[in-house]
């Protein structure tokens, strides 16, 4: 019984010392909620501090994704990688998509240049 208690104690202590990644200054700027209107719909992105995010369409959660800063751009990945630019006014603009199946970047997509205003 003492051995089980000791093992559990060590496991709990080991879990408590897992280092948490510190956000860079650039990542801290991105964390938050962004919203835009497009074709009569409300689009919202939520970028969380743990590198994950959520996408909403008209208030309904549609997708979860992982995000990171890559070469100064925000890359949000689910089925493909959606590329955003962080603007000086803290908004973000959708500028490209990278197709995961072939790795090709497309800067001419029809939804490009939608800007999302930071709301939180």
PDB file of N, CA and C in Angstrom:
ATOM      1  N   UNK A   1       0.826  -1.195   0.000  1.00  0.00           N
ATOM      2  CA  UNK A   1       0.000   0.000   0.000  1.00  0.00           C
ATOM      3  C   UNK A   1       0.870   1.259   0.000  1.00  0.00           C
ATOM      4  N   UNK A   2       1.963   1.223   0.793  1.00  0.00           N
ATOM      5  CA  UNK A   2       2.862   2.381   0.846  1.00  0.00           C
ATOM      6  C   UNK A   2       3.500   2.626  -0.516  1.00  0.00           C
ATOM      7  N   UNK A   3       3.796   1.551  -1.244  1.00  0.00           N
ATOM      8  CA  UNK A   3       4.420   1.686  -2.556  1.00  0.00           C
ATOM      9  C   UNK A   3       3.465   2.371  -3.535  1.00  0.00           C
ATOM     10  N   UNK A   4       2.190   2.016  -3.492  1.00  0.00           N
ATOM     11  CA  UNK A   4       1.199   2.632  -4.382  1.00  0.00           C
ATOM     12  C   UNK A   4       1.072   4.119  -4.079  1.00  0.00           C
ATOM     13  N   UNK A   5       1.036   4.470  -2.791  1.00  0.00           N
ATOM     14  CA  UNK A   5       0.939   5.868  -2.388  1.00  0.00           C
ATOM     15  C   UNK A   5       2.164   6.637  -2.863  1.00  0.00           C
ATOM     16  N   UNK A   6       3.347   6.058  -2.707  1.00  0.00           N
ATOM     17  CA  UNK A   6       4.580   6.694  -3.132  1.00  0.00           C
ATOM     18  C   UNK A   6       4.583   6.913  -4.644  1.00  0.00           C
ATOM     19  N   UNK A   7       4.190   5.898  -5.402  1.00  0.00           N
ATOM     20  CA  UNK A   7       4.152   5.995  -6.859  1.00  0.00           C
ATOM     21  C   UNK A   7       3.165   7.076  -7.295  1.00  0.00           C
ATOM     22  N   UNK A   8       1.974   7.091  -6.699  1.00  0.00           N
ATOM     23  CA  UNK A   8       0.980   8.117  -7.039  1.00  0.00           C
ATOM     24  C   UNK A   8       1.492   9.510  -6.704  1.00  0.00           C
ATOM     25  N   UNK A   9       2.160   9.631  -5.561  1.00  0.00           N
ATOM     26  CA  UNK A   9       2.725  10.925  -5.169  1.00  0.00           C
ATOM     27  C   UNK A   9       3.762  11.410  -6.162  1.00  0.00           C
ATOM     28  N   UNK A  10       4.634  10.513  -6.618  1.00  0.00           N
ATOM     29  CA  UNK A  10       5.644  10.877  -7.602  1.00  0.00           C
ATOM     30  C   UNK A  10       5.010  11.269  -8.928  1.00  0.00           C
ATOM     31  N   UNK A  11       3.974  10.547  -9.336  1.00  0.00           N
ATOM     32  CA  UNK A  11       3.286  10.883 -10.576  1.00  0.00           C
ATOM     33  C   UNK A  11       2.657  12.272 -10.511  1.00  0.00           C
ATOM     34  N   UNK A  12       2.004  12.564  -9.391  1.00  0.00           N
ATOM     35  CA  UNK A  12       1.367  13.872  -9.231  1.00  0.00           C
ATOM     36  C   UNK A  12       2.422  14.970  -9.230  1.00  0.00           C
ATOM     37  N   UNK A  13       3.520  14.763  -8.519  1.00  0.00           N
ATOM     38  CA  UNK A  13       4.586  15.767  -8.485  1.00  0.00           C
ATOM     39  C   UNK A  13       5.197  15.949  -9.863  1.00  0.00           C
ATOM     40  N   UNK A  14       5.382  14.866 -10.594  1.00  0.00           N
ATOM     41  CA  UNK A  14       5.939  14.948 -11.940  1.00  0.00           C
ATOM     42  C   UNK A  14       5.036  15.737 -12.864  1.00  0.00           C
ATOM     43  N   UNK A  15       3.738  15.543 -12.753  1.00  0.00           N
ATOM     44  CA  UNK A  15       2.781  16.270 -13.588  1.00  0.00           C
ATOM     45  C   UNK A  15       2.776  17.749 -13.249  1.00  0.00           C
ATOM     46  N   UNK A  16       2.993  18.077 -11.989  1.00  0.00           N
ATOM     47  CA  UNK A  16       2.948  19.470 -11.559  1.00  0.00           C
ATOM     48  C   UNK A  16       4.151  20.259 -12.063  1.00  0.00           C
ATOM     49  N   UNK A  17       5.225  19.581 -12.466  1.00  0.00           N
ATOM     50  CA  UNK A  17       6.424  20.294 -12.890  1.00  0.00           C
ATOM     51  C   UNK A  17       6.578  20.358 -14.406  1.00  0.00           C
ATOM     52  N   UNK A  18       5.548  20.002 -15.151  1.00  0.00           N
ATOM     53  CA  UNK A  18       5.624  20.090 -16.611  1.00  0.00           C
ATOM     54  C   UNK A  18       5.713  21.566 -16.998  1.00  0.00           C
ATOM     55  N   UNK A  19       6.755  21.943 -17.737  1.00  0.00           N
ATOM     56  CA  UNK A  19       6.902  23.361 -18.082  1.00  0.00           C
ATOM     57  C   UNK A  19       5.809  23.820 -19.055  1.00  0.00           C
ATOM     58  N   UNK A  20       5.351  25.029 -18.864  1.00  0.00           N
ATOM     59  CA  UNK A  20       4.350  25.629 -19.739  1.00  0.00           C
ATOM     60  C   UNK A  20       5.079  26.568 -20.689  1.00  0.00           C
ATOM     61  N   UNK A  21       4.781  26.454 -21.980  1.00  0.00           N
ATOM     62  CA  UNK A  21       5.438  27.299 -22.976  1.00  0.00           C
ATOM     63  C   UNK A  21       5.020  28.747 -22.760  1.00  0.00           C
ATOM     64  N   UNK A  22       5.988  29.608 -22.672  1.00  0.00           N
ATOM     65  CA  UNK A  22       5.740  31.041 -22.530  1.00  0.00           C
ATOM     66  C   UNK A  22       5.434  31.622 -23.909  1.00  0.00           C
ATOM     67  N   UNK A  23       4.384  32.416 -24.009  1.00  0.00           N
ATOM     68  CA  UNK A  23       4.019  33.034 -25.283  1.00  0.00           C
ATOM     69  C   UNK A  23       5.018  34.126 -25.640  1.00  0.00           C
ATOM     70  N   UNK A  24       5.343  34.231 -26.926  1.00  0.00           N
ATOM     71  CA  UNK A  24       6.178  35.330 -27.386  1.00  0.00           C
ATOM     72  C   UNK A  24       5.331  36.605 -27.412  1.00  0.00           C
ATOM     73  N   UNK A  25       5.982  37.743 -27.530  1.00  0.00           N
ATOM     74  CA  UNK A  25       5.262  39.025 -27.602  1.00  0.00           C
ATOM     75  C   UNK A  25       4.326  39.027 -28.806  1.00  0.00           C
ATOM     76  N   UNK A  26       4.774  38.455 -29.916  1.00  0.00           N
ATOM     77  CA  UNK A  26       3.952  38.402 -31.126  1.00  0.00           C
ATOM     78  C   UNK A  26       2.720  37.513 -30.924  1.00  0.00           C
ATOM     79  N   UNK A  27       2.910  36.367 -30.271  1.00  0.00           N
ATOM     80  CA  UNK A  27       1.785  35.459 -29.990  1.00  0.00           C
ATOM     81  C   UNK A  27       0.773  36.119 -29.043  1.00  0.00           C
ATOM     82  N   UNK A  28       1.272  36.844 -28.052  1.00  0.00           N
ATOM     83  CA  UNK A  28       0.384  37.538 -27.115  1.00  0.00           C
ATOM     84  C   UNK A  28      -0.510  38.544 -27.840  1.00  0.00           C
ATOM     85  N   UNK A  29       0.030  39.182 -28.881  1.00  0.00           N
ATOM     86  CA  UNK A  29      -0.761  40.138 -29.663  1.00  0.00           C
ATOM     87  C   UNK A  29      -1.913  39.447 -30.394  1.00  0.00           C
ATOM     88  N   UNK A  30      -1.718  38.195 -30.788  1.00  0.00           N
ATOM     89  CA  UNK A  30      -2.713  37.457 -31.574  1.00  0.00           C
ATOM     90  C   UNK A  30      -3.841  36.927 -30.709  1.00  0.00           C
ATOM     91  N   UNK A  31      -3.526  36.483 -29.488  1.00  0.00           N
ATOM     92  CA  UNK A  31      -4.532  35.854 -28.632  1.00  0.00           C
ATOM     93  C   UNK A  31      -5.730  36.788 -28.460  1.00  0.00           C
ATOM     94  N   UNK A  32      -6.931  36.236 -28.720  1.00  0.00           N
ATOM     95  CA  UNK A  32      -8.150  37.014 -28.583  1.00  0.00           C
ATOM     96  C   UNK A  32      -9.214  36.557 -29.557  1.00  0.00           C
ATOM     97  N   UNK A  33     -10.262  37.386 -29.680  1.00  0.00           N
ATOM     98  CA  UNK A  33     -11.386  37.090 -30.571  1.00  0.00           C
ATOM     99  C   UNK A  33     -11.452  38.127 -31.683  1.00  0.00           C
ATOM    100  N   UNK A  34     -11.750  37.634 -32.880  1.00  0.00           N
ATOM    101  CA  UNK A  34     -11.804  38.468 -34.076  1.00  0.00           C
ATOM    102  C   UNK A  34     -13.109  38.204 -34.812  1.00  0.00           C
ATOM    103  N   UNK A  35     -13.691  39.256 -35.365  1.00  0.00           N
ATOM    104  CA  UNK A  35     -14.992  39.095 -36.020  1.00  0.00           C
ATOM    105  C   UNK A  35     -15.054  39.899 -37.311  1.00  0.00           C
ATOM    106  N   UNK A  36     -15.824  39.375 -38.278  1.00  0.00           N
ATOM    107  CA  UNK A  36     -16.052  40.063 -39.548  1.00  0.00           C
ATOM    108  C   UNK A  36     -17.410  39.651 -40.095  1.00  0.00           C
ATOM    109  N   UNK A  37     -17.926  40.466 -40.974  1.00  0.00           N
ATOM    110  CA  UNK A  37     -19.156  40.136 -41.710  1.00  0.00           C
ATOM    111  C   UNK A  37     -18.751  39.771 -43.128  1.00  0.00           C
ATOM    112  N   UNK A  38     -19.392  38.717 -43.677  1.00  0.00           N
ATOM    113  CA  UNK A  38     -19.111  38.310 -45.057  1.00  0.00           C
ATOM    114  C   UNK A  38     -20.378  37.714 -45.640  1.00  0.00           C
ATOM    115  N   UNK A  39     -20.856  38.272 -46.730  1.00  0.00           N
ATOM    116  CA  UNK A  39     -22.077  37.796 -47.406  1.00  0.00           C
ATOM    117  C   UNK A  39     -23.246  37.627 -46.432  1.00  0.00           C
ATOM    118  N   UNK A  40     -23.415  38.582 -45.527  1.00  0.00           N
ATOM    119  CA  UNK A  40     -24.532  38.547 -44.590  1.00  0.00           C
ATOM    120  C   UNK A  40     -24.337  37.650 -43.387  1.00  0.00           C
ATOM    121  N   UNK A  41     -23.200  36.987 -43.280  1.00  0.00           N
ATOM    122  CA  UNK A  41     -22.920  36.101 -42.146  1.00  0.00           C
ATOM    123  C   UNK A  41     -21.866  36.735 -41.237  1.00  0.00           C
ATOM    124  N   UNK A  42     -21.899  36.347 -39.971  1.00  0.00           N
ATOM    125  CA  UNK A  42     -20.890  36.794 -39.015  1.00  0.00           C
ATOM    126  C   UNK A  42     -19.882  35.674 -38.826  1.00  0.00           C
ATOM    127  N   UNK A  43     -18.619  35.982 -39.086  1.00  0.00           N
ATOM    128  CA  UNK A  43     -17.519  35.039 -38.924  1.00  0.00           C
ATOM    129  C   UNK A  43     -16.718  35.453 -37.706  1.00  0.00           C
ATOM    130  N   UNK A  44     -16.363  34.503 -36.862  1.00  0.00           N
ATOM    131  CA  UNK A  44     -15.571  34.824 -35.675  1.00  0.00           C
ATOM    132  C   UNK A  44     -14.483  33.777 -35.483  1.00  0.00           C
ATOM    133  N   UNK A  45     -13.283  34.258 -35.213  1.00  0.00           N
ATOM    134  CA  UNK A  45     -12.153  33.405 -34.870  1.00  0.00           C
ATOM    135  C   UNK A  45     -11.754  33.700 -33.441  1.00  0.00           C
ATOM    136  N   UNK A  46     -11.434  32.650 -32.704  1.00  0.00           N
ATOM    137  CA  UNK A  46     -10.925  32.773 -31.348  1.00  0.00           C
ATOM    138  C   UNK A  46      -9.547  32.105 -31.338  1.00  0.00           C
ATOM    139  N   UNK A  47      -8.523  32.885 -31.013  1.00  0.00           N
ATOM    140  CA  UNK A  47      -7.162  32.361 -30.905  1.00  0.00           C
ATOM    141  C   UNK A  47      -6.831  32.271 -29.416  1.00  0.00           C
ATOM    142  N   UNK A  48      -6.635  31.053 -28.926  1.00  0.00           N
ATOM    143  CA  UNK A  48      -6.368  30.816 -27.509  1.00  0.00           C
ATOM    144  C   UNK A  48      -4.866  30.785 -27.244  1.00  0.00           C
ATOM    145  N   UNK A  49      -4.493  31.064 -26.012  1.00  0.00           N
ATOM    146  CA  UNK A  49      -3.091  31.124 -25.636  1.00  0.00           C
ATOM    147  C   UNK A  49      -2.363  29.798 -25.636  1.00  0.00           C
ATOM    148  N   UNK A  50      -3.090  28.705 -25.787  1.00  0.00           N
ATOM    149  CA  UNK A  50      -2.445  27.381 -25.811  1.00  0.00           C
ATOM    150  C   UNK A  50      -2.163  26.883 -27.232  1.00  0.00           C
ATOM    151  N   UNK A  51      -2.316  27.764 -28.234  1.00  0.00           N
ATOM    152  CA  UNK A  51      -2.028  27.372 -29.612  1.00  0.00           C
ATOM    153  C   UNK A  51      -3.178  26.700 -30.327  1.00  0.00           C
ATOM    154  N   UNK A  52      -4.358  26.729 -29.726  1.00  0.00           N
ATOM    155  CA  UNK A  52      -5.547  26.196 -30.391  1.00  0.00           C
ATOM    156  C   UNK A  52      -6.519  27.346 -30.625  1.00  0.00           C
ATOM    157  N   UNK A  53      -7.538  27.067 -31.410  1.00  0.00           N
ATOM    158  CA  UNK A  53      -8.529  28.100 -31.681  1.00  0.00           C
ATOM    159  C   UNK A  53      -9.848  27.496 -32.108  1.00  0.00           C
ATOM    160  N   UNK A  54     -10.828  28.380 -32.254  1.00  0.00           N
ATOM    161  CA  UNK A  54     -12.177  27.969 -32.641  1.00  0.00           C
ATOM    162  C   UNK A  54     -12.704  28.949 -33.682  1.00  0.00           C
ATOM    163  N   UNK A  55     -13.455  28.418 -34.635  1.00  0.00           N
ATOM    164  CA  UNK A  55     -14.064  29.227 -35.679  1.00  0.00           C
ATOM    165  C   UNK A  55     -15.579  29.107 -35.567  1.00  0.00           C
ATOM    166  N   UNK A  56     -16.273  30.257 -35.606  1.00  0.00           N
ATOM    167  CA  UNK A  56     -17.723  30.308 -35.473  1.00  0.00           C
ATOM    168  C   UNK A  56     -18.345  30.951 -36.699  1.00  0.00           C
ATOM    169  N   UNK A  57     -19.487  30.431 -37.117  1.00  0.00           N
ATOM    170  CA  UNK A  57     -20.282  31.006 -38.195  1.00  0.00           C
ATOM    171  C   UNK A  57     -21.651  31.324 -37.623  1.00  0.00           C
ATOM    172  N   UNK A  58     -22.012  32.611 -37.620  1.00  0.00           N
ATOM    173  CA  UNK A  58     -23.288  33.066 -37.062  1.00  0.00           C
ATOM    174  C   UNK A  58     -23.527  32.520 -35.658  1.00  0.00           C
ATOM    175  N   UNK A  59     -22.481  32.550 -34.829  1.00  0.00           N
ATOM    176  CA  UNK A  59     -22.587  32.147 -33.431  1.00  0.00           C
ATOM    177  C   UNK A  59     -22.478  30.660 -33.166  1.00  0.00           C
ATOM    178  N   UNK A  60     -22.403  29.839 -34.209  1.00  0.00           N
ATOM    179  CA  UNK A  60     -22.318  28.385 -34.047  1.00  0.00           C
ATOM    180  C   UNK A  60     -20.879  27.929 -34.298  1.00  0.00           C
ATOM    181  N   UNK A  61     -20.331  27.191 -33.328  1.00  0.00           N
ATOM    182  CA  UNK A  61     -18.965  26.690 -33.480  1.00  0.00           C
ATOM    183  C   UNK A  61     -18.910  25.683 -34.617  1.00  0.00           C
ATOM    184  N   UNK A  62     -18.047  25.958 -35.579  1.00  0.00           N
ATOM    185  CA  UNK A  62     -17.924  25.117 -36.764  1.00  0.00           C
ATOM    186  C   UNK A  62     -16.659  24.264 -36.778  1.00  0.00           C
ATOM    187  N   UNK A  63     -15.578  24.778 -36.207  1.00  0.00           N
ATOM    188  CA  UNK A  63     -14.293  24.113 -36.394  1.00  0.00           C
ATOM    189  C   UNK A  63     -13.348  24.464 -35.253  1.00  0.00           C
ATOM    190  N   UNK A  64     -12.458  23.558 -34.929  1.00  0.00           N
ATOM    191  CA  UNK A  64     -11.333  23.816 -34.041  1.00  0.00           C
ATOM    192  C   UNK A  64     -10.070  23.701 -34.879  1.00  0.00           C
ATOM    193  N   UNK A  65      -9.033  24.394 -34.464  1.00  0.00           N
ATOM    194  CA  UNK A  65      -7.783  24.383 -35.226  1.00  0.00           C
ATOM    195  C   UNK A  65      -6.609  24.640 -34.302  1.00  0.00           C
ATOM    196  N   UNK A  66      -5.412  24.408 -34.833  1.00  0.00           N
ATOM    197  CA  UNK A  66      -4.160  24.757 -34.167  1.00  0.00           C
ATOM    198  C   UNK A  66      -3.609  25.987 -34.876  1.00  0.00           C
ATOM    199  N   UNK A  67      -2.961  26.868 -34.136  1.00  0.00           N
ATOM    200  CA  UNK A  67      -2.371  28.035 -34.771  1.00  0.00           C
ATOM    201  C   UNK A  67      -0.951  28.286 -34.257  1.00  0.00           C
ATOM    202  N   UNK A  68      -0.183  28.977 -35.095  1.00  0.00           N
ATOM    203  CA  UNK A  68       1.185  29.333 -34.738  1.00  0.00           C
ATOM    204  C   UNK A  68       1.606  30.529 -35.587  1.00  0.00           C
ATOM    205  N   UNK A  69       2.632  31.209 -35.141  1.00  0.00           N
ATOM    206  CA  UNK A  69       3.247  32.278 -35.925  1.00  0.00           C
ATOM    207  C   UNK A  69       4.370  31.636 -36.740  1.00  0.00           C
ATOM    208  N   UNK A  70       4.313  31.798 -38.059  1.00  0.00           N
ATOM    209  CA  UNK A  70       5.323  31.242 -38.952  1.00  0.00           C
ATOM    210  C   UNK A  70       5.791  32.367 -39.877  1.00  0.00           C
ATOM    211  N   UNK A  71       7.066  32.709 -39.796  1.00  0.00           N
ATOM    212  CA  UNK A  71       7.638  33.788 -40.613  1.00  0.00           C
ATOM    213  C   UNK A  71       6.803  35.070 -40.534  1.00  0.00           C
ATOM    214  N   UNK A  72       6.355  35.409 -39.332  1.00  0.00           N
ATOM    215  CA  UNK A  72       5.611  36.649 -39.124  1.00  0.00           C
ATOM    216  C   UNK A  72       4.146  36.600 -39.522  1.00  0.00           C
ATOM    217  N   UNK A  73       3.669  35.446 -39.975  1.00  0.00           N
ATOM    218  CA  UNK A  73       2.263  35.279 -40.356  1.00  0.00           C
ATOM    219  C   UNK A  73       1.587  34.341 -39.362  1.00  0.00           C
ATOM    220  N   UNK A  74       0.263  34.497 -39.236  1.00  0.00           N
ATOM    221  CA  UNK A  74      -0.512  33.578 -38.399  1.00  0.00           C
ATOM    222  C   UNK A  74      -0.957  32.427 -39.281  1.00  0.00           C
ATOM    223  N   UNK A  75      -0.635  31.210 -38.903  1.00  0.00           N
ATOM    224  CA  UNK A  75      -1.058  30.015 -39.633  1.00  0.00           C
ATOM    225  C   UNK A  75      -2.042  29.247 -38.756  1.00  0.00           C
ATOM    226  N   UNK A  76      -3.274  29.124 -39.226  1.00  0.00           N
ATOM    227  CA  UNK A  76      -4.319  28.382 -38.522  1.00  0.00           C
ATOM    228  C   UNK A  76      -4.589  27.111 -39.321  1.00  0.00           C
ATOM    229  N   UNK A  77      -4.365  25.947 -38.700  1.00  0.00           N
ATOM    230  CA  UNK A  77      -4.435  24.676 -39.431  1.00  0.00           C
ATOM    231  C   UNK A  77      -5.580  23.798 -38.948  1.00  0.00           C
ATOM    232  N   UNK A  78      -6.407  23.380 -39.905  1.00  0.00           N
ATOM    233  CA  UNK A  78      -7.357  22.282 -39.681  1.00  0.00           C
ATOM    234  C   UNK A  78      -7.196  21.352 -40.869  1.00  0.00           C
ATOM    235  N   UNK A  79      -8.082  21.386 -41.848  1.00  0.00           N
ATOM    236  CA  UNK A  79      -7.911  20.557 -43.050  1.00  0.00           C
ATOM    237  C   UNK A  79      -6.843  21.140 -43.972  1.00  0.00           C
ATOM    238  N   UNK A  80      -6.687  22.443 -43.952  1.00  0.00           N
ATOM    239  CA  UNK A  80      -5.652  23.170 -44.681  1.00  0.00           C
ATOM    240  C   UNK A  80      -5.071  24.196 -43.720  1.00  0.00           C
ATOM    241  N   UNK A  81      -4.124  24.995 -44.195  1.00  0.00           N
ATOM    242  CA  UNK A  81      -3.542  26.047 -43.366  1.00  0.00           C
ATOM    243  C   UNK A  81      -4.019  27.390 -43.903  1.00  0.00           C
ATOM    244  N   UNK A  82      -4.697  28.138 -43.061  1.00  0.00           N
ATOM    245  CA  UNK A  82      -5.216  29.456 -43.419  1.00  0.00           C
ATOM    246  C   UNK A  82      -4.232  30.488 -42.894  1.00  0.00           C
ATOM    247  N   UNK A  83      -3.832  31.408 -43.753  1.00  0.00           N
ATOM    248  CA  UNK A  83      -2.762  32.344 -43.439  1.00  0.00           C
ATOM    249  C   UNK A  83      -3.344  33.743 -43.244  1.00  0.00           C
ATOM    250  N   UNK A  84      -2.951  34.381 -42.138  1.00  0.00           N
ATOM    251  CA  UNK A  84      -3.432  35.713 -41.787  1.00  0.00           C
ATOM    252  C   UNK A  84      -2.248  36.642 -41.532  1.00  0.00           C
ATOM    253  N   UNK A  85      -2.490  37.913 -41.768  1.00  0.00           N
ATOM    254  CA  UNK A  85      -1.523  38.956 -41.448  1.00  0.00           C
ATOM    255  C   UNK A  85      -2.050  39.698 -40.228  1.00  0.00           C
ATOM    256  N   UNK A  86      -1.198  39.967 -39.246  1.00  0.00           N
ATOM    257  CA  UNK A  86      -1.568  40.789 -38.097  1.00  0.00           C
ATOM    258  C   UNK A  86      -1.312  42.239 -38.480  1.00  0.00           C
ATOM    259  N   UNK A  87      -2.362  43.047 -38.427  1.00  0.00           N
ATOM    260  CA  UNK A  87      -2.274  44.445 -38.834  1.00  0.00           C
ATOM    261  C   UNK A  87      -1.908  45.346 -37.659  1.00  0.00           C
ATOM    262  N   UNK A  88      -1.443  46.557 -37.970  1.00  0.00           N
ATOM    263  CA  UNK A  88      -1.034  47.513 -36.938  1.00  0.00           C
ATOM    264  C   UNK A  88      -2.164  47.867 -35.975  1.00  0.00           C
ATOM    265  N   UNK A  89      -3.423  47.800 -36.428  1.00  0.00           N
ATOM    266  CA  UNK A  89      -4.571  48.149 -35.577  1.00  0.00           C
ATOM    267  C   UNK A  89      -5.099  46.942 -34.791  1.00  0.00           C
ATOM    268  N   UNK A  90      -4.331  45.864 -34.729  1.00  0.00           N
ATOM    269  CA  UNK A  90      -4.660  44.615 -34.017  1.00  0.00           C
ATOM    270  C   UNK A  90      -5.714  43.765 -34.722  1.00  0.00           C
ATOM    271  N   UNK A  91      -6.152  44.155 -35.906  1.00  0.00           N
ATOM    272  CA  UNK A  91      -7.034  43.290 -36.694  1.00  0.00           C
ATOM    273  C   UNK A  91      -6.161  42.273 -37.421  1.00  0.00           C
ATOM    274  N   UNK A  92      -6.812  41.255 -38.003  1.00  0.00           N
ATOM    275  CA  UNK A  92      -6.086  40.290 -38.830  1.00  0.00           C
ATOM    276  C   UNK A  92      -6.753  40.222 -40.200  1.00  0.00           C
ATOM    277  N   UNK A  93      -5.958  39.982 -41.221  1.00  0.00           N
ATOM    278  CA  UNK A  93      -6.472  39.876 -42.583  1.00  0.00           C
ATOM    279  C   UNK A  93      -6.094  38.523 -43.156  1.00  0.00           C
ATOM    280  N   UNK A  94      -7.101  37.838 -43.702  1.00  0.00           N
ATOM    281  CA  UNK A  94      -6.922  36.534 -44.345  1.00  0.00           C
ATOM    282  C   UNK A  94      -6.247  36.768 -45.679  1.00  0.00           C
ATOM    283  N   UNK A  95      -5.045  36.211 -45.878  1.00  0.00           N
ATOM    284  CA  UNK A  95      -4.289  36.532 -47.085  1.00  0.00           C
ATOM    285  C   UNK A  95      -3.969  35.343 -47.991  1.00  0.00           C
ATOM    286  N   UNK A  96      -4.072  34.117 -47.475  1.00  0.00           N
ATOM    287  CA  UNK A  96      -3.698  32.967 -48.313  1.00  0.00           C
ATOM    288  C   UNK A  96      -4.165  31.671 -47.673  1.00  0.00           C
ATOM    289  N   UNK A  97      -4.050  30.613 -48.467  1.00  0.00           N
ATOM    290  CA  UNK A  97      -4.307  29.261 -47.963  1.00  0.00           C
ATOM    291  C   UNK A  97      -3.176  28.364 -48.458  1.00  0.00           C
ATOM    292  N   UNK A  98      -2.760  27.452 -47.612  1.00  0.00           N
ATOM    293  CA  UNK A  98      -1.765  26.453 -47.996  1.00  0.00           C
ATOM    294  C   UNK A  98      -2.479  25.104 -47.965  1.00  0.00           C
ATOM    295  N   UNK A  99      -2.561  24.464 -49.107  1.00  0.00           N
ATOM    296  CA  UNK A  99      -3.231  23.164 -49.218  1.00  0.00           C
ATOM    297  C   UNK A  99      -2.323  22.089 -48.652  1.00  0.00           C
ATOM    298  N   UNK A 100      -2.783  21.400 -47.624  1.00  0.00           N
ATOM    299  CA  UNK A 100      -1.962  20.387 -46.976  1.00  0.00           C
ATOM    300  C   UNK A 100      -1.662  19.222 -47.918  1.00  0.00           C
ATOM    301  N   UNK A 101      -2.616  18.855 -48.762  1.00  0.00           N
ATOM    302  CA  UNK A 101      -2.407  17.682 -49.620  1.00  0.00           C
ATOM    303  C   UNK A 101      -1.250  17.848 -50.598  1.00  0.00           C
ATOM    304  N   UNK A 102      -0.956  19.099 -51.015  1.00  0.00           N
ATOM    305  CA  UNK A 102       0.164  19.286 -51.939  1.00  0.00           C
ATOM    306  C   UNK A 102       1.172  20.327 -51.467  1.00  0.00           C
ATOM    307  N   UNK A 103       0.905  20.981 -50.335  1.00  0.00           N
ATOM    308  CA  UNK A 103       1.838  21.954 -49.773  1.00  0.00           C
ATOM    309  C   UNK A 103       1.914  23.271 -50.515  1.00  0.00           C
ATOM    310  N   UNK A 104       1.039  23.475 -51.507  1.00  0.00           N
ATOM    311  CA  UNK A 104       1.100  24.698 -52.310  1.00  0.00           C
ATOM    312  C   UNK A 104       0.317  25.825 -51.659  1.00  0.00           C
ATOM    313  N   UNK A 105       0.894  26.996 -51.728  1.00  0.00           N
ATOM    314  CA  UNK A 105       0.269  28.202 -51.188  1.00  0.00           C
ATOM    315  C   UNK A 105      -0.483  28.921 -52.294  1.00  0.00           C
ATOM    316  N   UNK A 106      -1.691  29.378 -51.975  1.00  0.00           N
ATOM    317  CA  UNK A 106      -2.517  30.114 -52.933  1.00  0.00           C
ATOM    318  C   UNK A 106      -2.866  31.470 -52.312  1.00  0.00           C
ATOM    319  N   UNK A 107      -2.283  32.532 -52.876  1.00  0.00           N
ATOM    320  CA  UNK A 107      -2.543  33.886 -52.393  1.00  0.00           C
ATOM    321  C   UNK A 107      -3.686  34.555 -53.142  1.00  0.00           C
ATOM    322  N   UNK A 108      -4.318  33.852 -54.054  1.00  0.00           N
ATOM    323  CA  UNK A 108      -5.361  34.463 -54.880  1.00  0.00           C
ATOM    324  C   UNK A 108      -6.752  33.904 -54.589  1.00  0.00           C
ATOM    325  N   UNK A 109      -6.924  33.263 -53.444  1.00  0.00           N
ATOM    326  CA  UNK A 109      -8.211  32.662 -53.119  1.00  0.00           C
ATOM    327  C   UNK A 109      -9.309  33.719 -53.047  1.00  0.00           C
ATOM    328  N   UNK A 110     -10.542  33.313 -53.326  1.00  0.00           N
ATOM    329  CA  UNK A 110     -11.622  34.288 -53.451  1.00  0.00           C
ATOM    330  C   UNK A 110     -12.013  34.951 -52.142  1.00  0.00           C
ATOM    331  N   UNK A 111     -11.666  34.355 -50.988  1.00  0.00           N
ATOM    332  CA  UNK A 111     -12.000  34.975 -49.716  1.00  0.00           C
ATOM    333  C   UNK A 111     -10.850  35.814 -49.164  1.00  0.00           C
ATOM    334  N   UNK A 112      -9.734  35.855 -49.892  1.00  0.00           N
ATOM    335  CA  UNK A 112      -8.577  36.589 -49.383  1.00  0.00           C
ATOM    336  C   UNK A 112      -8.928  38.051 -49.168  1.00  0.00           C
ATOM    337  N   UNK A 113      -8.220  38.640 -48.276  1.00  0.00           N
ATOM    338  CA  UNK A 113      -8.344  40.043 -47.913  1.00  0.00           C
ATOM    339  C   UNK A 113      -9.586  40.366 -47.091  1.00  0.00           C
ATOM    340  N   UNK A 114     -10.177  39.379 -46.430  1.00  0.00           N
ATOM    341  CA  UNK A 114     -11.214  39.659 -45.443  1.00  0.00           C
ATOM    342  C   UNK A 114     -10.485  40.052 -44.162  1.00  0.00           C
ATOM    343  N   UNK A 115     -10.862  41.188 -43.582  1.00  0.00           N
ATOM    344  CA  UNK A 115     -10.250  41.644 -42.361  1.00  0.00           C
ATOM    345  C   UNK A 115     -11.185  41.390 -41.187  1.00  0.00           C
ATOM    346  N   UNK A 116     -10.621  40.869 -40.102  1.00  0.00           N
ATOM    347  CA  UNK A 116     -11.345  40.559 -38.885  1.00  0.00           C
ATOM    348  C   UNK A 116     -10.907  41.530 -37.794  1.00  0.00           C
ATOM    349  N   UNK A 117     -11.851  42.258 -37.241  1.00  0.00           N
ATOM    350  CA  UNK A 117     -11.575  43.219 -36.189  1.00  0.00           C
ATOM    351  C   UNK A 117     -11.445  42.499 -34.845  1.00  0.00           C
ATOM    352  N   UNK A 118     -10.454  42.877 -34.059  1.00  0.00           N
ATOM    353  CA  UNK A 118     -10.276  42.272 -32.729  1.00  0.00           C
ATOM    354  C   UNK A 118     -11.366  42.819 -31.814  1.00  0.00           C
ATOM    355  N   UNK A 119     -12.150  41.913 -31.203  1.00  0.00           N
ATOM    356  CA  UNK A 119     -13.258  42.331 -30.354  1.00  0.00           C
ATOM    357  C   UNK A 119     -12.998  42.036 -28.875  1.00  0.00           C
ATOM    358  N   UNK A 120     -12.031  41.212 -28.561  1.00  0.00           N
ATOM    359  CA  UNK A 120     -11.639  40.910 -27.171  1.00  0.00           C
ATOM    360  C   UNK A 120     -10.183  40.576 -27.085  1.00  0.00           C
TER     361      UNK A 120
END
